[in-house]
PDB file of N, CA and C in Angstrom:
ATOM      1  N   MET A   1       0.825  -1.185   0.000  1.00  0.00           N
ATOM      2  CA  MET A   1       0.000   0.000   0.000  1.00  0.00           C
ATOM      3  C   MET A   1       0.879   1.264   0.000  1.00  0.00           C
ATOM      4  N   LEU A   2       1.973   1.241   0.737  1.00  0.00           N
ATOM      5  CA  LEU A   2       2.855   2.409   0.744  1.00  0.00           C
ATOM      6  C   LEU A   2       3.495   2.627  -0.617  1.00  0.00           C
ATOM      7  N   ALA A   3       3.827   1.551  -1.322  1.00  0.00           N
ATOM      8  CA  ALA A   3       4.445   1.681  -2.635  1.00  0.00           C
ATOM      9  C   ALA A   3       3.478   2.301  -3.644  1.00  0.00           C
ATOM     10  N   GLU A   4       2.186   2.038  -3.512  1.00  0.00           N
ATOM     11  CA  GLU A   4       1.202   2.613  -4.422  1.00  0.00           C
ATOM     12  C   GLU A   4       1.122   4.133  -4.274  1.00  0.00           C
ATOM     13  N   GLN A   5       1.418   4.648  -3.086  1.00  0.00           N
ATOM     14  CA  GLN A   5       1.343   6.083  -2.844  1.00  0.00           C
ATOM     15  C   GLN A   5       2.726   6.736  -2.875  1.00  0.00           C
ATOM     16  N   ALA A   6       3.730   6.038  -3.368  1.00  0.00           N
ATOM     17  CA  ALA A   6       5.091   6.537  -3.560  1.00  0.00           C
ATOM     18  C   ALA A   6       5.791   6.858  -2.244  1.00  0.00           C
ATOM     19  N   PHE A   7       5.520   6.099  -1.196  1.00  0.00           N
ATOM     20  CA  PHE A   7       6.252   6.249   0.054  1.00  0.00           C
ATOM     21  C   PHE A   7       7.514   5.412  -0.005  1.00  0.00           C
ATOM     22  N   VAL A   8       8.560   5.906   0.636  1.00  0.00           N
ATOM     23  CA  VAL A   8       9.817   5.192   0.682  1.00  0.00           C
ATOM     24  C   VAL A   8      10.259   5.100   2.135  1.00  0.00           C
ATOM     25  N   VAL A   9      10.645   3.904   2.567  1.00  0.00           N
ATOM     26  CA  VAL A   9      11.142   3.704   3.928  1.00  0.00           C
ATOM     27  C   VAL A   9      12.654   3.557   3.845  1.00  0.00           C
ATOM     28  N   ILE A  10      13.384   4.370   4.609  1.00  0.00           N
ATOM     29  CA  ILE A  10      14.840   4.357   4.575  1.00  0.00           C
ATOM     30  C   ILE A  10      15.364   3.972   5.945  1.00  0.00           C
ATOM     31  N   TYR A  11      16.204   2.952   5.973  1.00  0.00           N
ATOM     32  CA  TYR A  11      16.850   2.519   7.207  1.00  0.00           C
ATOM     33  C   TYR A  11      18.315   2.941   7.147  1.00  0.00           C
ATOM     34  N   ALA A  12      18.635   4.112   7.681  1.00  0.00           N
ATOM     35  CA  ALA A  12      20.007   4.618   7.689  1.00  0.00           C
ATOM     36  C   ALA A  12      20.114   5.720   8.730  1.00  0.00           C
ATOM     37  N   PRO A  13      21.298   5.896   9.292  1.00  0.00           N
ATOM     38  CA  PRO A  13      21.499   7.029  10.203  1.00  0.00           C
ATOM     39  C   PRO A  13      21.331   8.355   9.454  1.00  0.00           C
ATOM     40  N   VAL A  14      20.820   9.339  10.131  1.00  0.00           N
ATOM     41  CA  VAL A  14      20.555  10.632   9.497  1.00  0.00           C
ATOM     42  C   VAL A  14      21.832  11.238   8.931  1.00  0.00           C
ATOM     43  N   ALA A  15      22.954  11.024   9.576  1.00  0.00           N
ATOM     44  CA  ALA A  15      24.218  11.594   9.109  1.00  0.00           C
ATOM     45  C   ALA A  15      24.616  11.055   7.730  1.00  0.00           C
ATOM     46  N   GLN A  16      24.153   9.865   7.370  1.00  0.00           N
ATOM     47  CA  GLN A  16      24.519   9.272   6.087  1.00  0.00           C
ATOM     48  C   GLN A  16      23.601   9.696   4.947  1.00  0.00           C
ATOM     49  N   LEU A  17      22.466  10.296   5.260  1.00  0.00           N
ATOM     50  CA  LEU A  17      21.518  10.668   4.214  1.00  0.00           C
ATOM     51  C   LEU A  17      21.985  11.914   3.479  1.00  0.00           C
ATOM     52  N   GLN A  18      21.825  11.913   2.179  1.00  0.00           N
ATOM     53  CA  GLN A  18      22.120  13.075   1.355  1.00  0.00           C
ATOM     54  C   GLN A  18      20.826  13.455   0.645  1.00  0.00           C
ATOM     55  N   LEU A  19      20.043  14.311   1.305  1.00  0.00           N
ATOM     56  CA  LEU A  19      18.740  14.685   0.773  1.00  0.00           C
ATOM     57  C   LEU A  19      18.875  15.877  -0.159  1.00  0.00           C
ATOM     58  N   GLU A  20      18.045  15.904  -1.182  1.00  0.00           N
ATOM     59  CA  GLU A  20      18.026  17.021  -2.104  1.00  0.00           C
ATOM     60  C   GLU A  20      16.642  17.654  -2.063  1.00  0.00           C
ATOM     61  N   SER A  21      16.583  18.936  -2.275  1.00  0.00           N
ATOM     62  CA  SER A  21      15.287  19.615  -2.255  1.00  0.00           C
ATOM     63  C   SER A  21      14.682  19.594  -3.654  1.00  0.00           C
ATOM     64  N   VAL A  22      13.368  19.547  -3.681  1.00  0.00           N
ATOM     65  CA  VAL A  22      12.630  19.534  -4.930  1.00  0.00           C
ATOM     66  C   VAL A  22      12.031  20.926  -5.127  1.00  0.00           C
ATOM     67  N   PRO A  23      12.257  21.562  -6.271  1.00  0.00           N
ATOM     68  CA  PRO A  23      11.705  22.909  -6.486  1.00  0.00           C
ATOM     69  C   PRO A  23      10.178  22.890  -6.401  1.00  0.00           C
ATOM     70  N   GLY A  24       9.632  23.883  -5.714  1.00  0.00           N
ATOM     71  CA  GLY A  24       8.185  23.998  -5.595  1.00  0.00           C
ATOM     72  C   GLY A  24       7.589  23.242  -4.432  1.00  0.00           C
ATOM     73  N   VAL A  25       8.412  22.469  -3.713  1.00  0.00           N
ATOM     74  CA  VAL A  25       7.920  21.706  -2.573  1.00  0.00           C
ATOM     75  C   VAL A  25       8.541  22.287  -1.314  1.00  0.00           C
ATOM     76  N   HIS A  26       7.708  22.663  -0.357  1.00  0.00           N
ATOM     77  CA  HIS A  26       8.196  23.210   0.901  1.00  0.00           C
ATOM     78  C   HIS A  26       8.574  22.063   1.825  1.00  0.00           C
ATOM     79  N   THR A  27       9.739  22.114   2.382  1.00  0.00           N
ATOM     80  CA  THR A  27      10.176  21.040   3.262  1.00  0.00           C
ATOM     81  C   THR A  27       9.794  21.289   4.708  1.00  0.00           C
ATOM     82  N   LEU A  28       9.700  22.550   5.124  1.00  0.00           N
ATOM     83  CA  LEU A  28       9.315  22.874   6.490  1.00  0.00           C
ATOM     84  C   LEU A  28       7.932  23.493   6.497  1.00  0.00           C
ATOM     85  N   HIS A  29       7.015  22.882   7.204  1.00  0.00           N
ATOM     86  CA  HIS A  29       5.659  23.396   7.299  1.00  0.00           C
ATOM     87  C   HIS A  29       5.468  24.061   8.649  1.00  0.00           C
ATOM     88  N   PRO A  30       4.795  25.207   8.687  1.00  0.00           N
ATOM     89  CA  PRO A  30       4.542  25.844   9.971  1.00  0.00           C
ATOM     90  C   PRO A  30       3.614  24.986  10.821  1.00  0.00           C
ATOM     91  N   ALA A  31       3.810  25.050  12.101  1.00  0.00           N
ATOM     92  CA  ALA A  31       2.995  24.257  13.004  1.00  0.00           C
ATOM     93  C   ALA A  31       1.561  24.771  13.003  1.00  0.00           C
ATOM     94  N   ILE A  32       0.626  23.850  12.941  1.00  0.00           N
ATOM     95  CA  ILE A  32      -0.787  24.200  12.986  1.00  0.00           C
ATOM     96  C   ILE A  32      -1.252  24.040  14.427  1.00  0.00           C
ATOM     97  N   THR A  33      -1.830  25.106  14.979  1.00  0.00           N
ATOM     98  CA  THR A  33      -2.266  25.088  16.366  1.00  0.00           C
ATOM     99  C   THR A  33      -3.721  25.499  16.469  1.00  0.00           C
ATOM    100  N   GLU A  34      -4.280  25.256  17.629  1.00  0.00           N
ATOM    101  CA  GLU A  34      -5.666  25.633  17.892  1.00  0.00           C
ATOM    102  C   GLU A  34      -5.793  27.152  17.894  1.00  0.00           C
ATOM    103  N   CYS A  35      -6.852  27.669  17.325  1.00  0.00           N
ATOM    104  CA  CYS A  35      -7.076  29.115  17.270  1.00  0.00           C
ATOM    105  C   CYS A  35      -7.314  29.640  18.682  1.00  0.00           C
ATOM    106  N   PRO A  36      -6.556  30.661  19.105  1.00  0.00           N
ATOM    107  CA  PRO A  36      -6.729  31.174  20.465  1.00  0.00           C
ATOM    108  C   PRO A  36      -8.013  31.981  20.648  1.00  0.00           C
ATOM    109  N   GLU A  37      -8.574  32.468  19.567  1.00  0.00           N
ATOM    110  CA  GLU A  37      -9.768  33.299  19.693  1.00  0.00           C
ATOM    111  C   GLU A  37     -11.031  32.454  19.893  1.00  0.00           C
ATOM    112  N   CYS A  38     -11.198  31.380  19.101  1.00  0.00           N
ATOM    113  CA  CYS A  38     -12.404  30.550  19.213  1.00  0.00           C
ATOM    114  C   CYS A  38     -12.135  29.254  19.968  1.00  0.00           C
ATOM    115  N   LYS A  39     -10.882  29.013  20.346  1.00  0.00           N
ATOM    116  CA  LYS A  39     -10.461  27.820  21.088  1.00  0.00           C
ATOM    117  C   LYS A  39     -10.804  26.520  20.352  1.00  0.00           C
ATOM    118  N   GLY A  40     -10.630  26.536  19.020  1.00  0.00           N
ATOM    119  CA  GLY A  40     -10.808  25.341  18.209  1.00  0.00           C
ATOM    120  C   GLY A  40     -12.227  25.051  17.773  1.00  0.00           C
ATOM    121  N   LYS A  41     -13.195  25.895  18.139  1.00  0.00           N
ATOM    122  CA  LYS A  41     -14.592  25.641  17.788  1.00  0.00           C
ATOM    123  C   LYS A  41     -14.964  26.196  16.414  1.00  0.00           C
ATOM    124  N   GLY A  42     -14.273  27.236  15.968  1.00  0.00           N
ATOM    125  CA  GLY A  42     -14.572  27.841  14.676  1.00  0.00           C
ATOM    126  C   GLY A  42     -15.671  28.886  14.746  1.00  0.00           C
ATOM    127  N   ARG A  43     -16.294  29.058  15.900  1.00  0.00           N
ATOM    128  CA  ARG A  43     -17.373  30.022  16.082  1.00  0.00           C
ATOM    129  C   ARG A  43     -17.071  30.908  17.291  1.00  0.00           C
ATOM    130  N   VAL A  44     -17.465  32.178  17.227  1.00  0.00           N
ATOM    131  CA  VAL A  44     -17.284  33.110  18.342  1.00  0.00           C
ATOM    132  C   VAL A  44     -18.627  33.776  18.636  1.00  0.00           C
ATOM    133  N   PRO A  45     -18.858  34.189  19.904  1.00  0.00           N
ATOM    134  CA  PRO A  45     -20.127  34.827  20.244  1.00  0.00           C
ATOM    135  C   PRO A  45     -20.286  36.192  19.571  1.00  0.00           C
ATOM    136  N   MET A  46     -21.537  36.536  19.305  1.00  0.00           N
ATOM    137  CA  MET A  46     -21.864  37.801  18.668  1.00  0.00           C
ATOM    138  C   MET A  46     -23.119  38.352  19.338  1.00  0.00           C
ATOM    139  N   HIS A  47     -23.259  39.644  19.452  1.00  0.00           N
ATOM    140  CA  HIS A  47     -24.438  40.290  20.045  1.00  0.00           C
ATOM    141  C   HIS A  47     -24.690  39.818  21.468  1.00  0.00           C
ATOM    142  N   HIS A  48     -23.685  39.882  22.308  1.00  0.00           N
ATOM    143  CA  HIS A  48     -23.802  39.552  23.727  1.00  0.00           C
ATOM    144  C   HIS A  48     -24.254  38.114  23.962  1.00  0.00           C
ATOM    145  N   GLY A  49     -23.850  37.192  23.093  1.00  0.00           N
ATOM    146  CA  GLY A  49     -24.134  35.777  23.294  1.00  0.00           C
ATOM    147  C   GLY A  49     -25.448  35.296  22.712  1.00  0.00           C
ATOM    148  N   LEU A  50     -26.210  36.168  22.074  1.00  0.00           N
ATOM    149  CA  LEU A  50     -27.484  35.735  21.503  1.00  0.00           C
ATOM    150  C   LEU A  50     -27.274  34.881  20.254  1.00  0.00           C
ATOM    151  N   ARG A  51     -26.229  35.181  19.499  1.00  0.00           N
ATOM    152  CA  ARG A  51     -25.924  34.418  18.288  1.00  0.00           C
ATOM    153  C   ARG A  51     -24.417  34.224  18.230  1.00  0.00           C
ATOM    154  N   ASP A  52     -23.984  33.364  17.345  1.00  0.00           N
ATOM    155  CA  ASP A  52     -22.542  33.228  17.140  1.00  0.00           C
ATOM    156  C   ASP A  52     -22.248  33.390  15.659  1.00  0.00           C
ATOM    157  N   LYS A  53     -20.986  33.648  15.356  1.00  0.00           N
ATOM    158  CA  LYS A  53     -20.567  33.858  13.973  1.00  0.00           C
ATOM    159  C   LYS A  53     -19.255  33.139  13.728  1.00  0.00           C
ATOM    160  N   GLU A  54     -18.872  33.071  12.466  1.00  0.00           N
ATOM    161  CA  GLU A  54     -17.604  32.448  12.090  1.00  0.00           C
ATOM    162  C   GLU A  54     -16.449  33.239  12.689  1.00  0.00           C
ATOM    163  N   CYS A  55     -15.463  32.535  13.192  1.00  0.00           N
ATOM    164  CA  CYS A  55     -14.305  33.184  13.805  1.00  0.00           C
ATOM    165  C   CYS A  55     -13.544  33.980  12.749  1.00  0.00           C
ATOM    166  N   PRO A  56     -13.303  35.281  12.992  1.00  0.00           N
ATOM    167  CA  PRO A  56     -12.598  36.084  11.986  1.00  0.00           C
ATOM    168  C   PRO A  56     -11.115  35.745  11.869  1.00  0.00           C
ATOM    169  N   ARG A  57     -10.525  35.183  12.913  1.00  0.00           N
ATOM    170  CA  ARG A  57      -9.089  34.883  12.876  1.00  0.00           C
ATOM    171  C   ARG A  57      -8.776  33.627  12.069  1.00  0.00           C
ATOM    172  N   CYS A  58      -9.550  32.562  12.291  1.00  0.00           N
ATOM    173  CA  CYS A  58      -9.246  31.299  11.603  1.00  0.00           C
ATOM    174  C   CYS A  58     -10.204  31.002  10.454  1.00  0.00           C
ATOM    175  N   GLY A  59     -11.219  31.832  10.258  1.00  0.00           N
ATOM    176  CA  GLY A  59     -12.154  31.616   9.154  1.00  0.00           C
ATOM    177  C   GLY A  59     -13.063  30.422   9.365  1.00  0.00           C
ATOM    178  N   GLY A  60     -13.306  30.031  10.606  1.00  0.00           N
ATOM    179  CA  GLY A  60     -14.185  28.909  10.908  1.00  0.00           C
ATOM    180  C   GLY A  60     -13.512  27.557  10.902  1.00  0.00           C
ATOM    181  N   ARG A  61     -12.191  27.505  10.672  1.00  0.00           N
ATOM    182  CA  ARG A  61     -11.480  26.221  10.650  1.00  0.00           C
ATOM    183  C   ARG A  61     -11.186  25.710  12.060  1.00  0.00           C
ATOM    184  N   GLY A  62     -11.000  26.606  13.012  1.00  0.00           N
ATOM    185  CA  GLY A  62     -10.680  26.210  14.371  1.00  0.00           C
ATOM    186  C   GLY A  62      -9.192  26.049  14.617  1.00  0.00           C
ATOM    187  N   SER A  63      -8.380  26.248  13.591  1.00  0.00           N
ATOM    188  CA  SER A  63      -6.929  26.122  13.765  1.00  0.00           C
ATOM    189  C   SER A  63      -6.220  27.170  12.925  1.00  0.00           C
ATOM    190  N   VAL A  64      -5.056  27.566  13.374  1.00  0.00           N
ATOM    191  CA  VAL A  64      -4.230  28.528  12.638  1.00  0.00           C
ATOM    192  C   VAL A  64      -2.798  28.002  12.606  1.00  0.00           C
ATOM    193  N   ASN A  65      -2.047  28.406  11.582  1.00  0.00           N
ATOM    194  CA  ASN A  65      -0.641  28.026  11.569  1.00  0.00           C
ATOM    195  C   ASN A  65       0.171  29.099  12.263  1.00  0.00           C
ATOM    196  N   SER A  66       1.455  28.939  12.340  1.00  0.00           N
ATOM    197  CA  SER A  66       2.287  29.873  13.078  1.00  0.00           C
ATOM    198  C   SER A  66       2.309  31.269  12.465  1.00  0.00           C
ATOM    199  N   LEU A  67       1.850  31.406  11.234  1.00  0.00           N
ATOM    200  CA  LEU A  67       1.804  32.699  10.584  1.00  0.00           C
ATOM    201  C   LEU A  67       0.506  33.447  10.893  1.00  0.00           C
ATOM    202  N   GLY A  68      -0.412  32.801  11.630  1.00  0.00           N
ATOM    203  CA  GLY A  68      -1.661  33.442  11.996  1.00  0.00           C
ATOM    204  C   GLY A  68      -2.763  33.298  10.978  1.00  0.00           C
ATOM    205  N   ARG A  69      -2.571  32.399  10.015  1.00  0.00           N
ATOM    206  CA  ARG A  69      -3.600  32.193   8.974  1.00  0.00           C
ATOM    207  C   ARG A  69      -4.369  30.935   9.214  1.00  0.00           C
TER     208      ARG A  69
END
């Protein structure tokens, strides 16, 4: 199943690996964390708690990356 999805398992010490970067592929991804404004719910209170709306910080996803998006 891993071979069908082009996964490769390498058994070697990290010091022996010679990795190359592929253009257009980001190797480091920012950490995705829970949104501090909605606390992961994706909704925030509106009009003194009578209704709620989509969180403006995370766009209703409930999570943000380290860049705040």
